[in-house]
Amino acid sequence: MISVIKGKDIVYGDRGRGRIRVSAVAGVYMLDGGQKSYSEILDGAQSSMSLARYVKHVPYLFYDAETIKLSEQSKSMETHFDEALKNGEFIALYQPKVALETGDLEGAEALCRWKRGGELIPASSFIPVLEKSKRICSLDFEMLRVVCADMKRWTDGGVTTVPVSVNFSRKHLTNPNLAEDIISTVDSYEVKHDQIVIEFTETASESDQVRLAQVVKKLEESGIRTSVDDFGSGYSSMCMIRDIPFNELKLDRSLIESETDDDDRSAAMMKHVIALADELGMSCIAEGAETEDQIKLLEKFECMRVQGFYFDKPLEKDVFMQRLLNPHYERR
């Protein structure tokens, strides 16, 4: 049933101009002969469905001991989020972006971590949970504030910074003042606009694309650059880069997992996406580069900016500041 529904387009509006791509997930509760109330069964199935969609990213999920544990962890994170935000428990790690021609540090992406009880909780453990609600919007602006505070501290100390990108969820697109809120946040820390890049993920909704185009235009007019993240992972990539004037395109890591030559299908796709970005006047960066073969393939296709473990892991702010003072990498 899921395979029948998923990926289908629903056309609506005047002359069928509106279009929504349908997604589908399911939660499964297996009856074992024990006495369960209707509400218990429904709650279990709904919990599994929610985890399948937001946490596990699978088409369906059975209600079992692992699901119960995941559900409890999700509820705990939601419960403690506001307290963690107030206590400044969310920090930024900075993963460098490097120019292949020179080996120079050209930028970084701020990656969120939850520092709780001496432990650094990875984003994959809590971002999907927060994506279920508007809490993700509060977290995104907190990360923007953290990045701006770090950058101001560095510049006040005489350190030359590089542009840092901050991820923003599609959930923000219901905010009519999103661009203004981003600009005012950056201005409150006296950070230069050209030192901030806002990354948006792909969206399949045409109405979201219209709103996103308006936000990107306002940010560009203010000097804040924008990037489309995970390009190639969704359904609407071509429409997005046709209609929205992004400054940067980040290749989805699935496109660069191949280490073979251009006869490989993924490599062929990557080659043409890089060429398309160049034709549209967008800079292109490959995320997730880890091996020498991947680097050579990117060089062959003239994608000359990379982010990944080949050069560096995500760095805590003080370590990244030292990298700013020594902004050059040697090839292995």
C-alpha atoms as a PDB file:
ATOM      1  CA  MET A   1       0.000   0.000   0.000  1.00  0.00           C
ATOM      2  CA  ILE A   2       2.804   2.406   0.866  1.00  0.00           C
ATOM      3  CA  SER A   3       4.523   1.784  -2.465  1.00  0.00           C
ATOM      4  CA  VAL A   4       1.254   2.566  -4.269  1.00  0.00           C
ATOM      5  CA  ILE A   5       0.744   5.882  -2.452  1.00  0.00           C
ATOM      6  CA  LYS A   6       4.291   7.155  -2.004  1.00  0.00           C
ATOM      7  CA  GLY A   7       5.720   9.442  -4.652  1.00  0.00           C
ATOM      8  CA  LYS A   8       2.403  10.179  -6.345  1.00  0.00           C
ATOM      9  CA  ASP A   9       1.463  13.747  -7.259  1.00  0.00           C
ATOM     10  CA  ILE A  10      -1.840  15.328  -6.233  1.00  0.00           C
ATOM     11  CA  VAL A  11      -2.900  18.143  -8.533  1.00  0.00           C
ATOM     12  CA  TYR A  12      -5.118  20.910  -7.165  1.00  0.00           C
ATOM     13  CA  GLY A  13      -6.154  24.528  -7.660  1.00  0.00           C
ATOM     14  CA  ASP A  14      -7.022  26.576 -10.720  1.00  0.00           C
ATOM     15  CA  ARG A  15      -6.325  24.533 -13.861  1.00  0.00           C
ATOM     16  CA  GLY A  16      -4.338  22.070 -11.827  1.00  0.00           C
ATOM     17  CA  ARG A  17      -1.445  24.446 -11.265  1.00  0.00           C
ATOM     18  CA  GLY A  18      -0.893  23.309  -7.697  1.00  0.00           C
ATOM     19  CA  ARG A  19       0.970  20.077  -7.093  1.00  0.00           C
ATOM     20  CA  ILE A  20       1.831  18.132  -3.930  1.00  0.00           C
ATOM     21  CA  ARG A  21       4.002  15.020  -3.823  1.00  0.00           C
ATOM     22  CA  VAL A  22       2.612  12.452  -1.387  1.00  0.00           C
ATOM     23  CA  SER A  23       4.734  10.652   1.179  1.00  0.00           C
ATOM     24  CA  ALA A  24       3.585   7.703   3.252  1.00  0.00           C
ATOM     25  CA  VAL A  25       4.736   5.841   6.354  1.00  0.00           C
ATOM     26  CA  ALA A  26       3.027   3.290   8.592  1.00  0.00           C
ATOM     27  CA  GLY A  27       3.169   2.089  12.163  1.00  0.00           C
ATOM     28  CA  VAL A  28       2.375  -1.580  12.808  1.00  0.00           C
ATOM     29  CA  TYR A  29       1.064  -3.001  16.078  1.00  0.00           C
ATOM     30  CA  MET A  30       1.064  -6.826  16.153  1.00  0.00           C
ATOM     31  CA  LEU A  31      -1.698  -8.404  18.235  1.00  0.00           C
ATOM     32  CA  ASP A  32      -0.270 -11.236  20.358  1.00  0.00           C
ATOM     33  CA  GLY A  33      -3.466 -12.579  21.856  1.00  0.00           C
ATOM     34  CA  GLY A  34      -3.181 -10.563  25.048  1.00  0.00           C
ATOM     35  CA  GLN A  35      -5.904  -8.181  26.101  1.00  0.00           C
ATOM     36  CA  LYS A  36      -5.173  -4.691  24.846  1.00  0.00           C
ATOM     37  CA  SER A  37      -7.523  -1.746  24.702  1.00  0.00           C
ATOM     38  CA  TYR A  38      -8.241   0.016  21.439  1.00  0.00           C
ATOM     39  CA  SER A  39      -6.486   3.149  22.694  1.00  0.00           C
ATOM     40  CA  GLU A  40      -3.309   1.186  23.619  1.00  0.00           C
ATOM     41  CA  ILE A  41      -3.171  -0.390  20.159  1.00  0.00           C
ATOM     42  CA  LEU A  42      -3.792   2.928  18.417  1.00  0.00           C
ATOM     43  CA  ASP A  43      -1.222   4.764  20.555  1.00  0.00           C
ATOM     44  CA  GLY A  44       1.378   2.086  19.819  1.00  0.00           C
ATOM     45  CA  ALA A  45       0.755   2.201  16.076  1.00  0.00           C
ATOM     46  CA  GLN A  46       0.819   6.003  16.024  1.00  0.00           C
ATOM     47  CA  SER A  47       4.055   6.072  18.032  1.00  0.00           C
ATOM     48  CA  SER A  48       5.669   3.648  15.565  1.00  0.00           C
ATOM     49  CA  MET A  49       4.430   5.684  12.617  1.00  0.00           C
ATOM     50  CA  SER A  50       5.875   8.905  14.035  1.00  0.00           C
ATOM     51  CA  LEU A  51       9.244   7.272  14.726  1.00  0.00           C
ATOM     52  CA  ALA A  52       9.295   5.721  11.246  1.00  0.00           C
ATOM     53  CA  ARG A  53       8.805   9.142   9.698  1.00  0.00           C
ATOM     54  CA  TYR A  54      10.937  11.423  11.823  1.00  0.00           C
ATOM     55  CA  VAL A  55      13.604   9.275  13.490  1.00  0.00           C
ATOM     56  CA  LYS A  56      14.266   6.058  11.559  1.00  0.00           C
ATOM     57  CA  HIS A  57      13.329   7.391   8.089  1.00  0.00           C
ATOM     58  CA  VAL A  58      11.863   4.050   7.027  1.00  0.00           C
ATOM     59  CA  PRO A  59       8.528   3.270   5.278  1.00  0.00           C
ATOM     60  CA  TYR A  60       7.120   1.350   8.253  1.00  0.00           C
ATOM     61  CA  LEU A  61       8.036   0.372  11.800  1.00  0.00           C
ATOM     62  CA  PHE A  62       6.751  -2.340  14.130  1.00  0.00           C
ATOM     63  CA  TYR A  63       5.848  -1.515  17.707  1.00  0.00           C
ATOM     64  CA  ASP A  64       8.367  -3.467  19.808  1.00  0.00           C
ATOM     65  CA  ALA A  65      10.838  -3.028  22.668  1.00  0.00           C
ATOM     66  CA  GLU A  66      13.198  -0.908  20.539  1.00  0.00           C
ATOM     67  CA  THR A  67      10.331   1.307  19.425  1.00  0.00           C
ATOM     68  CA  ILE A  68       9.216   1.791  23.029  1.00  0.00           C
ATOM     69  CA  LYS A  69      12.782   2.805  23.989  1.00  0.00           C
ATOM     70  CA  LEU A  70      13.041   5.241  21.065  1.00  0.00           C
ATOM     71  CA  SER A  71       9.658   6.705  21.940  1.00  0.00           C
ATOM     72  CA  GLU A  72      10.719   7.277  25.548  1.00  0.00           C
ATOM     73  CA  GLN A  73      13.976   8.916  24.408  1.00  0.00           C
ATOM     74  CA  SER A  74      12.059  11.188  22.035  1.00  0.00           C
ATOM     75  CA  LYS A  75       9.643  12.248  24.756  1.00  0.00           C
ATOM     76  CA  SER A  76      12.553  12.918  27.127  1.00  0.00           C
ATOM     77  CA  MET A  77      14.271  15.138  24.556  1.00  0.00           C
ATOM     78  CA  GLU A  78      11.088  17.079  23.916  1.00  0.00           C
ATOM     79  CA  THR A  79      10.542  17.488  27.653  1.00  0.00           C
ATOM     80  CA  HIS A  80      14.068  18.788  28.329  1.00  0.00           C
ATOM     81  CA  PHE A  81      14.458  20.914  25.191  1.00  0.00           C
ATOM     82  CA  ASP A  82      13.252  24.233  26.613  1.00  0.00           C
ATOM     83  CA  GLU A  83      15.440  23.827  29.691  1.00  0.00           C
ATOM     84  CA  ALA A  84      18.453  22.931  27.518  1.00  0.00           C
ATOM     85  CA  LEU A  85      17.867  25.955  25.305  1.00  0.00           C
ATOM     86  CA  LYS A  86      17.699  28.232  28.339  1.00  0.00           C
ATOM     87  CA  ASN A  87      20.891  26.719  29.788  1.00  0.00           C
ATOM     88  CA  GLY A  88      22.878  27.096  26.565  1.00  0.00           C
ATOM     89  CA  GLU A  89      23.409  23.353  26.137  1.00  0.00           C
ATOM     90  CA  PHE A  90      23.416  23.492  22.326  1.00  0.00           C
ATOM     91  CA  ILE A  91      26.830  24.193  20.835  1.00  0.00           C
ATOM     92  CA  ALA A  92      28.290  24.475  17.341  1.00  0.00           C
ATOM     93  CA  LEU A  93      31.010  22.302  15.895  1.00  0.00           C
ATOM     94  CA  TYR A  94      32.610  23.709  12.769  1.00  0.00           C
ATOM     95  CA  GLN A  95      33.442  21.468   9.807  1.00  0.00           C
ATOM     96  CA  PRO A  96      35.856  23.188   7.399  1.00  0.00           C
ATOM     97  CA  LYS A  97      35.220  23.743   3.689  1.00  0.00           C
ATOM     98  CA  VAL A  98      38.441  23.568   1.682  1.00  0.00           C
ATOM     99  CA  ALA A  99      39.478  24.773  -1.776  1.00  0.00           C
ATOM    100  CA  LEU A 100      41.095  21.900  -3.671  1.00  0.00           C
ATOM    101  CA  GLU A 101      43.265  24.163  -5.850  1.00  0.00           C
ATOM    102  CA  THR A 102      45.068  25.741  -2.905  1.00  0.00           C
ATOM    103  CA  GLY A 103      44.255  23.666   0.186  1.00  0.00           C
ATOM    104  CA  ASP A 104      43.040  26.857   1.845  1.00  0.00           C
ATOM    105  CA  LEU A 105      40.206  27.057   4.352  1.00  0.00           C
ATOM    106  CA  GLU A 106      37.335  28.862   2.608  1.00  0.00           C
ATOM    107  CA  GLY A 107      34.413  28.375   4.967  1.00  0.00           C
ATOM    108  CA  ALA A 108      32.736  26.049   7.443  1.00  0.00           C
ATOM    109  CA  GLU A 109      29.396  24.542   8.339  1.00  0.00           C
ATOM    110  CA  ALA A 110      28.078  24.870  11.887  1.00  0.00           C
ATOM    111  CA  LEU A 111      26.871  21.466  13.086  1.00  0.00           C
ATOM    112  CA  CYS A 112      24.681  21.372  16.172  1.00  0.00           C
ATOM    113  CA  ARG A 113      25.471  19.182  19.178  1.00  0.00           C
ATOM    114  CA  TRP A 114      23.611  18.884  22.479  1.00  0.00           C
ATOM    115  CA  LYS A 115      26.065  19.056  25.379  1.00  0.00           C
ATOM    116  CA  ARG A 116      24.275  17.418  28.283  1.00  0.00           C
ATOM    117  CA  GLY A 117      25.758  15.773  31.364  1.00  0.00           C
ATOM    118  CA  GLY A 118      29.266  15.798  29.923  1.00  0.00           C
ATOM    119  CA  GLU A 119      28.100  14.029  26.769  1.00  0.00           C
ATOM    120  CA  LEU A 120      27.912  15.401  23.219  1.00  0.00           C
ATOM    121  CA  ILE A 121      24.660  14.144  21.728  1.00  0.00           C
ATOM    122  CA  PRO A 122      24.787  13.984  17.895  1.00  0.00           C
ATOM    123  CA  ALA A 123      22.221  15.908  15.882  1.00  0.00           C
ATOM    124  CA  SER A 124      20.807  12.700  14.395  1.00  0.00           C
ATOM    125  CA  SER A 125      19.496  11.805  17.856  1.00  0.00           C
ATOM    126  CA  PHE A 126      17.435  14.948  18.434  1.00  0.00           C
ATOM    127  CA  ILE A 127      16.940  16.958  15.216  1.00  0.00           C
ATOM    128  CA  PRO A 128      14.346  14.495  13.812  1.00  0.00           C
ATOM    129  CA  VAL A 129      12.425  14.706  17.092  1.00  0.00           C
ATOM    130  CA  LEU A 130      12.426  18.512  17.059  1.00  0.00           C
ATOM    131  CA  GLU A 131      11.420  18.533  13.371  1.00  0.00           C
ATOM    132  CA  LYS A 132       8.022  17.204  14.464  1.00  0.00           C
ATOM    133  CA  SER A 133       7.218  20.600  15.946  1.00  0.00           C
ATOM    134  CA  LYS A 134       8.205  24.246  15.756  1.00  0.00           C
ATOM    135  CA  ARG A 135      10.918  23.569  18.351  1.00  0.00           C
ATOM    136  CA  ILE A 136      13.328  23.117  15.455  1.00  0.00           C
ATOM    137  CA  CYS A 137      12.816  26.789  14.594  1.00  0.00           C
ATOM    138  CA  SER A 138      13.897  27.840  18.076  1.00  0.00           C
ATOM    139  CA  LEU A 139      16.969  25.625  17.776  1.00  0.00           C
ATOM    140  CA  ASP A 140      17.943  27.031  14.361  1.00  0.00           C
ATOM    141  CA  PHE A 141      17.909  30.594  15.664  1.00  0.00           C
ATOM    142  CA  GLU A 142      19.829  29.498  18.759  1.00  0.00           C
ATOM    143  CA  MET A 143      22.513  28.051  16.477  1.00  0.00           C
ATOM    144  CA  LEU A 144      22.616  31.288  14.480  1.00  0.00           C
ATOM    145  CA  ARG A 145      23.136  33.207  17.737  1.00  0.00           C
ATOM    146  CA  VAL A 146      25.861  30.778  18.862  1.00  0.00           C
ATOM    147  CA  VAL A 147      27.693  31.127  15.536  1.00  0.00           C
ATOM    148  CA  CYS A 148      27.416  34.917  15.539  1.00  0.00           C
ATOM    149  CA  ALA A 149      28.672  35.091  19.131  1.00  0.00           C
ATOM    150  CA  ASP A 150      31.671  32.906  18.255  1.00  0.00           C
ATOM    151  CA  MET A 151      32.452  34.969  15.151  1.00  0.00           C
ATOM    152  CA  LYS A 152      32.252  38.245  17.054  1.00  0.00           C
ATOM    153  CA  ARG A 153      34.627  36.886  19.694  1.00  0.00           C
ATOM    154  CA  TRP A 154      37.088  35.830  17.004  1.00  0.00           C
ATOM    155  CA  THR A 155      36.983  39.111  15.084  1.00  0.00           C
ATOM    156  CA  ASP A 156      37.229  41.160  18.289  1.00  0.00           C
ATOM    157  CA  GLY A 157      40.376  39.157  19.015  1.00  0.00           C
ATOM    158  CA  GLY A 158      41.873  40.033  15.643  1.00  0.00           C
ATOM    159  CA  VAL A 159      41.194  36.659  14.001  1.00  0.00           C
ATOM    160  CA  THR A 160      40.244  36.679  10.314  1.00  0.00           C
ATOM    161  CA  THR A 161      37.064  34.629   9.878  1.00  0.00           C
ATOM    162  CA  VAL A 162      35.597  32.696   6.942  1.00  0.00           C
ATOM    163  CA  PRO A 163      31.905  32.414   5.973  1.00  0.00           C
ATOM    164  CA  VAL A 164      29.999  29.968   8.184  1.00  0.00           C
ATOM    165  CA  SER A 165      26.802  28.257   7.088  1.00  0.00           C
ATOM    166  CA  VAL A 166      23.877  27.607   9.429  1.00  0.00           C
ATOM    167  CA  ASN A 167      21.090  25.145   8.658  1.00  0.00           C
ATOM    168  CA  PHE A 168      17.476  26.311   8.664  1.00  0.00           C
ATOM    169  CA  SER A 169      14.487  23.966   8.543  1.00  0.00           C
ATOM    170  CA  ARG A 170      11.625  24.291   6.052  1.00  0.00           C
ATOM    171  CA  LYS A 171       9.381  24.741   9.108  1.00  0.00           C
ATOM    172  CA  HIS A 172      10.491  28.396   9.127  1.00  0.00           C
ATOM    173  CA  LEU A 173       8.672  29.089   5.865  1.00  0.00           C
ATOM    174  CA  THR A 174       5.421  29.766   7.727  1.00  0.00           C
ATOM    175  CA  ASN A 175       7.151  32.784   9.306  1.00  0.00           C
ATOM    176  CA  PRO A 176       6.421  35.830   7.097  1.00  0.00           C
ATOM    177  CA  ASN A 177       9.299  37.750   8.731  1.00  0.00           C
ATOM    178  CA  LEU A 178      11.939  35.023   8.429  1.00  0.00           C
ATOM    179  CA  ALA A 179      14.451  37.030   6.385  1.00  0.00           C
ATOM    180  CA  GLU A 180      14.076  40.073   8.631  1.00  0.00           C
ATOM    181  CA  ASP A 181      14.507  37.922  11.758  1.00  0.00           C
ATOM    182  CA  ILE A 182      17.706  36.382  10.382  1.00  0.00           C
ATOM    183  CA  ILE A 183      19.118  39.781   9.393  1.00  0.00           C
ATOM    184  CA  SER A 184      18.322  41.376  12.757  1.00  0.00           C
ATOM    185  CA  THR A 185      19.928  38.453  14.617  1.00  0.00           C
ATOM    186  CA  VAL A 186      23.149  38.792  12.609  1.00  0.00           C
ATOM    187  CA  ASP A 187      23.135  42.575  13.064  1.00  0.00           C
ATOM    188  CA  SER A 188      22.702  42.281  16.828  1.00  0.00           C
ATOM    189  CA  TYR A 189      26.159  40.655  16.992  1.00  0.00           C
ATOM    190  CA  GLU A 190      27.709  43.128  14.532  1.00  0.00           C
ATOM    191  CA  VAL A 191      28.731  40.278  12.228  1.00  0.00           C
ATOM    192  CA  LYS A 192      29.287  41.153   8.573  1.00  0.00           C
ATOM    193  CA  HIS A 193      26.532  39.772   6.376  1.00  0.00           C
ATOM    194  CA  ASP A 194      28.962  38.162   3.938  1.00  0.00           C
ATOM    195  CA  GLN A 195      30.260  35.956   6.761  1.00  0.00           C
ATOM    196  CA  ILE A 196      26.945  34.112   7.146  1.00  0.00           C
ATOM    197  CA  VAL A 197      25.433  31.508   4.802  1.00  0.00           C
ATOM    198  CA  ILE A 198      21.934  30.126   5.412  1.00  0.00           C
ATOM    199  CA  GLU A 199      21.427  26.538   4.217  1.00  0.00           C
ATOM    200  CA  PHE A 200      17.966  25.314   3.245  1.00  0.00           C
ATOM    201  CA  THR A 201      17.083  21.738   2.325  1.00  0.00           C
ATOM    202  CA  GLU A 202      15.060  20.856  -0.735  1.00  0.00           C
ATOM    203  CA  THR A 203      11.284  21.190  -0.600  1.00  0.00           C
ATOM    204  CA  ALA A 204       8.714  19.395  -2.761  1.00  0.00           C
ATOM    205  CA  SER A 205       5.875  21.855  -2.085  1.00  0.00           C
ATOM    206  CA  GLU A 206       5.342  24.534  -4.722  1.00  0.00           C
ATOM    207  CA  SER A 207       3.898  26.944  -2.144  1.00  0.00           C
ATOM    208  CA  ASP A 208       7.004  26.450   0.012  1.00  0.00           C
ATOM    209  CA  GLN A 209       9.183  27.167  -3.000  1.00  0.00           C
ATOM    210  CA  VAL A 210       7.403  30.476  -3.592  1.00  0.00           C
ATOM    211  CA  ARG A 211       7.936  31.523   0.030  1.00  0.00           C
ATOM    212  CA  LEU A 212      11.521  30.278  -0.010  1.00  0.00           C
ATOM    213  CA  ALA A 213      12.273  32.301  -3.149  1.00  0.00           C
ATOM    214  CA  GLN A 214      11.060  35.451  -1.381  1.00  0.00           C
ATOM    215  CA  VAL A 215      13.247  34.741   1.658  1.00  0.00           C
ATOM    216  CA  VAL A 216      16.334  33.999  -0.445  1.00  0.00           C
ATOM    217  CA  LYS A 217      15.868  37.201  -2.450  1.00  0.00           C
ATOM    218  CA  LYS A 218      15.629  39.338   0.703  1.00  0.00           C
ATOM    219  CA  LEU A 219      18.687  37.697   2.235  1.00  0.00           C
ATOM    220  CA  GLU A 220      20.674  38.130  -0.972  1.00  0.00           C
ATOM    221  CA  GLU A 221      19.744  41.818  -1.108  1.00  0.00           C
ATOM    222  CA  SER A 222      21.137  42.200   2.414  1.00  0.00           C
ATOM    223  CA  GLY A 223      24.397  40.443   1.520  1.00  0.00           C
ATOM    224  CA  ILE A 224      23.654  37.172   3.333  1.00  0.00           C
ATOM    225  CA  ARG A 225      24.370  34.213   1.063  1.00  0.00           C
ATOM    226  CA  THR A 226      22.150  31.149   0.749  1.00  0.00           C
ATOM    227  CA  SER A 227      22.759  27.512  -0.099  1.00  0.00           C
ATOM    228  CA  VAL A 228      20.573  24.568  -1.098  1.00  0.00           C
ATOM    229  CA  ASP A 229      21.629  21.621   1.056  1.00  0.00           C
ATOM    230  CA  ASP A 230      21.608  17.916   0.110  1.00  0.00           C
ATOM    231  CA  PHE A 231      20.996  18.698  -3.550  1.00  0.00           C
ATOM    232  CA  GLY A 232      19.927  15.572  -5.409  1.00  0.00           C
ATOM    233  CA  SER A 233      18.219  13.872  -2.459  1.00  0.00           C
ATOM    234  CA  GLY A 234      14.670  15.057  -3.228  1.00  0.00           C
ATOM    235  CA  TYR A 235      12.148  15.324  -6.039  1.00  0.00           C
ATOM    236  CA  SER A 236      12.175  19.015  -6.869  1.00  0.00           C
ATOM    237  CA  SER A 237      15.835  19.905  -7.247  1.00  0.00           C
ATOM    238  CA  MET A 238      15.678  21.255 -10.781  1.00  0.00           C
ATOM    239  CA  CYS A 239      12.656  23.443 -10.063  1.00  0.00           C
ATOM    240  CA  MET A 240      14.328  24.837  -6.965  1.00  0.00           C
ATOM    241  CA  ILE A 241      17.542  25.959  -8.609  1.00  0.00           C
ATOM    242  CA  ARG A 242      15.629  27.220 -11.637  1.00  0.00           C
ATOM    243  CA  ASP A 243      13.283  29.416  -9.623  1.00  0.00           C
ATOM    244  CA  ILE A 244      15.311  30.337  -6.523  1.00  0.00           C
ATOM    245  CA  PRO A 245      18.542  32.384  -6.774  1.00  0.00           C
ATOM    246  CA  PHE A 246      20.711  30.386  -4.373  1.00  0.00           C
ATOM    247  CA  ASN A 247      24.388  31.324  -4.225  1.00  0.00           C
ATOM    248  CA  GLU A 248      25.641  27.833  -3.459  1.00  0.00           C
ATOM    249  CA  LEU A 249      24.710  24.232  -4.220  1.00  0.00           C
ATOM    250  CA  LYS A 250      25.789  21.444  -1.870  1.00  0.00           C
ATOM    251  CA  LEU A 251      25.893  18.019  -3.477  1.00  0.00           C
ATOM    252  CA  ASP A 252      24.100  15.321  -1.518  1.00  0.00           C
ATOM    253  CA  ARG A 253      26.668  12.914  -0.116  1.00  0.00           C
ATOM    254  CA  SER A 254      24.950  10.007  -1.916  1.00  0.00           C
ATOM    255  CA  LEU A 255      26.181  11.447  -5.227  1.00  0.00           C
ATOM    256  CA  ILE A 256      29.837  11.303  -4.218  1.00  0.00           C
ATOM    257  CA  GLU A 257      29.847   7.903  -2.525  1.00  0.00           C
ATOM    258  CA  SER A 258      31.011   6.444  -5.828  1.00  0.00           C
ATOM    259  CA  GLU A 259      34.768   6.261  -6.313  1.00  0.00           C
ATOM    260  CA  THR A 260      34.672   5.095  -9.925  1.00  0.00           C
ATOM    261  CA  ASP A 261      35.063   6.943 -13.217  1.00  0.00           C
ATOM    262  CA  ASP A 262      32.401   8.677 -15.244  1.00  0.00           C
ATOM    263  CA  ASP A 263      30.939   5.417 -16.561  1.00  0.00           C
ATOM    264  CA  ASP A 264      29.294   4.998 -13.173  1.00  0.00           C
ATOM    265  CA  ARG A 265      25.694   6.301 -13.086  1.00  0.00           C
ATOM    266  CA  SER A 266      26.144   8.280  -9.855  1.00  0.00           C
ATOM    267  CA  ALA A 267      29.348   9.806 -11.153  1.00  0.00           C
ATOM    268  CA  ALA A 268      27.620  10.753 -14.402  1.00  0.00           C
ATOM    269  CA  MET A 269      24.833  12.465 -12.456  1.00  0.00           C
ATOM    270  CA  MET A 270      27.358  14.287 -10.305  1.00  0.00           C
ATOM    271  CA  LYS A 271      29.261  15.465 -13.371  1.00  0.00           C
ATOM    272  CA  HIS A 272      26.170  17.044 -14.922  1.00  0.00           C
ATOM    273  CA  VAL A 273      24.911  18.595 -11.665  1.00  0.00           C
ATOM    274  CA  ILE A 274      28.294  20.299 -11.191  1.00  0.00           C
ATOM    275  CA  ALA A 275      28.195  21.583 -14.768  1.00  0.00           C
ATOM    276  CA  LEU A 276      24.613  22.823 -14.274  1.00  0.00           C
ATOM    277  CA  ALA A 277      25.556  24.724 -11.121  1.00  0.00           C
ATOM    278  CA  ASP A 278      28.371  26.407 -13.023  1.00  0.00           C
ATOM    279  CA  GLU A 279      26.020  27.379 -15.861  1.00  0.00           C
ATOM    280  CA  LEU A 280      23.622  28.941 -13.332  1.00  0.00           C
ATOM    281  CA  GLY A 281      26.391  30.923 -11.666  1.00  0.00           C
ATOM    282  CA  MET A 282      26.259  28.949  -8.416  1.00  0.00           C
ATOM    283  CA  SER A 283      29.305  27.778  -6.521  1.00  0.00           C
ATOM    284  CA  CYS A 284      29.284  24.021  -5.923  1.00  0.00           C
ATOM    285  CA  ILE A 285      30.551  22.170  -2.873  1.00  0.00           C
ATOM    286  CA  ALA A 286      30.750  18.429  -2.257  1.00  0.00           C
ATOM    287  CA  GLU A 287      29.844  17.243   1.219  1.00  0.00           C
ATOM    288  CA  GLY A 288      31.067  13.970   2.683  1.00  0.00           C
ATOM    289  CA  ALA A 289      34.372  13.643   0.813  1.00  0.00           C
ATOM    290  CA  GLU A 290      36.451  11.043   2.637  1.00  0.00           C
ATOM    291  CA  THR A 291      38.825   9.321   0.198  1.00  0.00           C
ATOM    292  CA  GLU A 292      41.540  10.276  -2.273  1.00  0.00           C
ATOM    293  CA  ASP A 293      39.583   8.620  -5.089  1.00  0.00           C
ATOM    294  CA  GLN A 294      36.553  10.793  -4.333  1.00  0.00           C
ATOM    295  CA  ILE A 295      38.742  13.896  -4.317  1.00  0.00           C
ATOM    296  CA  LYS A 296      40.257  12.960  -7.680  1.00  0.00           C
ATOM    297  CA  LEU A 297      36.789  12.391  -9.151  1.00  0.00           C
ATOM    298  CA  LEU A 298      35.613  15.793  -7.890  1.00  0.00           C
ATOM    299  CA  GLU A 299      38.682  17.438  -9.393  1.00  0.00           C
ATOM    300  CA  LYS A 300      38.003  15.672 -12.680  1.00  0.00           C
ATOM    301  CA  PHE A 301      34.483  17.126 -12.750  1.00  0.00           C
ATOM    302  CA  GLU A 302      35.755  20.543 -11.590  1.00  0.00           C
ATOM    303  CA  CYS A 303      34.012  20.659  -8.220  1.00  0.00           C
ATOM    304  CA  MET A 304      36.819  22.416  -6.398  1.00  0.00           C
ATOM    305  CA  ARG A 305      35.330  22.991  -2.940  1.00  0.00           C
ATOM    306  CA  VAL A 306      34.845  20.122  -0.507  1.00  0.00           C
ATOM    307  CA  GLN A 307      33.707  19.430   3.035  1.00  0.00           C
ATOM    308  CA  GLY A 308      34.402  16.116   4.688  1.00  0.00           C
ATOM    309  CA  PHE A 309      36.649  13.906   6.770  1.00  0.00           C
ATOM    310  CA  TYR A 310      39.274  13.793   4.018  1.00  0.00           C
ATOM    311  CA  PHE A 311      40.426  17.183   5.286  1.00  0.00           C
ATOM    312  CA  ASP A 312      38.895  17.537   8.738  1.00  0.00           C
ATOM    313  CA  LYS A 313      36.210  16.421  11.166  1.00  0.00           C
ATOM    314  CA  PRO A 314      33.804  18.885  12.826  1.00  0.00           C
ATOM    315  CA  LEU A 315      35.864  20.952  15.276  1.00  0.00           C
ATOM    316  CA  GLU A 316      35.000  22.534  18.606  1.00  0.00           C
ATOM    317  CA  LYS A 317      35.128  26.316  18.503  1.00  0.00           C
ATOM    318  CA  ASP A 318      38.548  26.786  20.122  1.00  0.00           C
ATOM    319  CA  VAL A 319      40.125  24.178  17.841  1.00  0.00           C
ATOM    320  CA  PHE A 320      38.474  25.789  14.827  1.00  0.00           C
ATOM    321  CA  MET A 321      39.837  29.179  15.894  1.00  0.00           C
ATOM    322  CA  GLN A 322      43.337  27.697  15.743  1.00  0.00           C
ATOM    323  CA  ARG A 323      42.550  26.507  12.231  1.00  0.00           C
ATOM    324  CA  LEU A 324      41.508  30.062  11.334  1.00  0.00           C
ATOM    325  CA  LEU A 325      44.969  31.157  12.445  1.00  0.00           C
ATOM    326  CA  ASN A 326      46.537  28.438  10.252  1.00  0.00           C
ATOM    327  CA  PRO A 327      44.086  28.209   7.336  1.00  0.00           C
ATOM    328  CA  HIS A 328      45.918  25.767   5.071  1.00  0.00           C
ATOM    329  CA  TYR A 329      45.613  22.009   4.550  1.00  0.00           C
ATOM    330  CA  GLU A 330      48.144  19.682   2.958  1.00  0.00           C
ATOM    331  CA  ARG A 331      46.913  16.893   0.694  1.00  0.00           C
ATOM    332  CA  ARG A 332      47.529  13.400   2.001  1.00  0.00           C
END
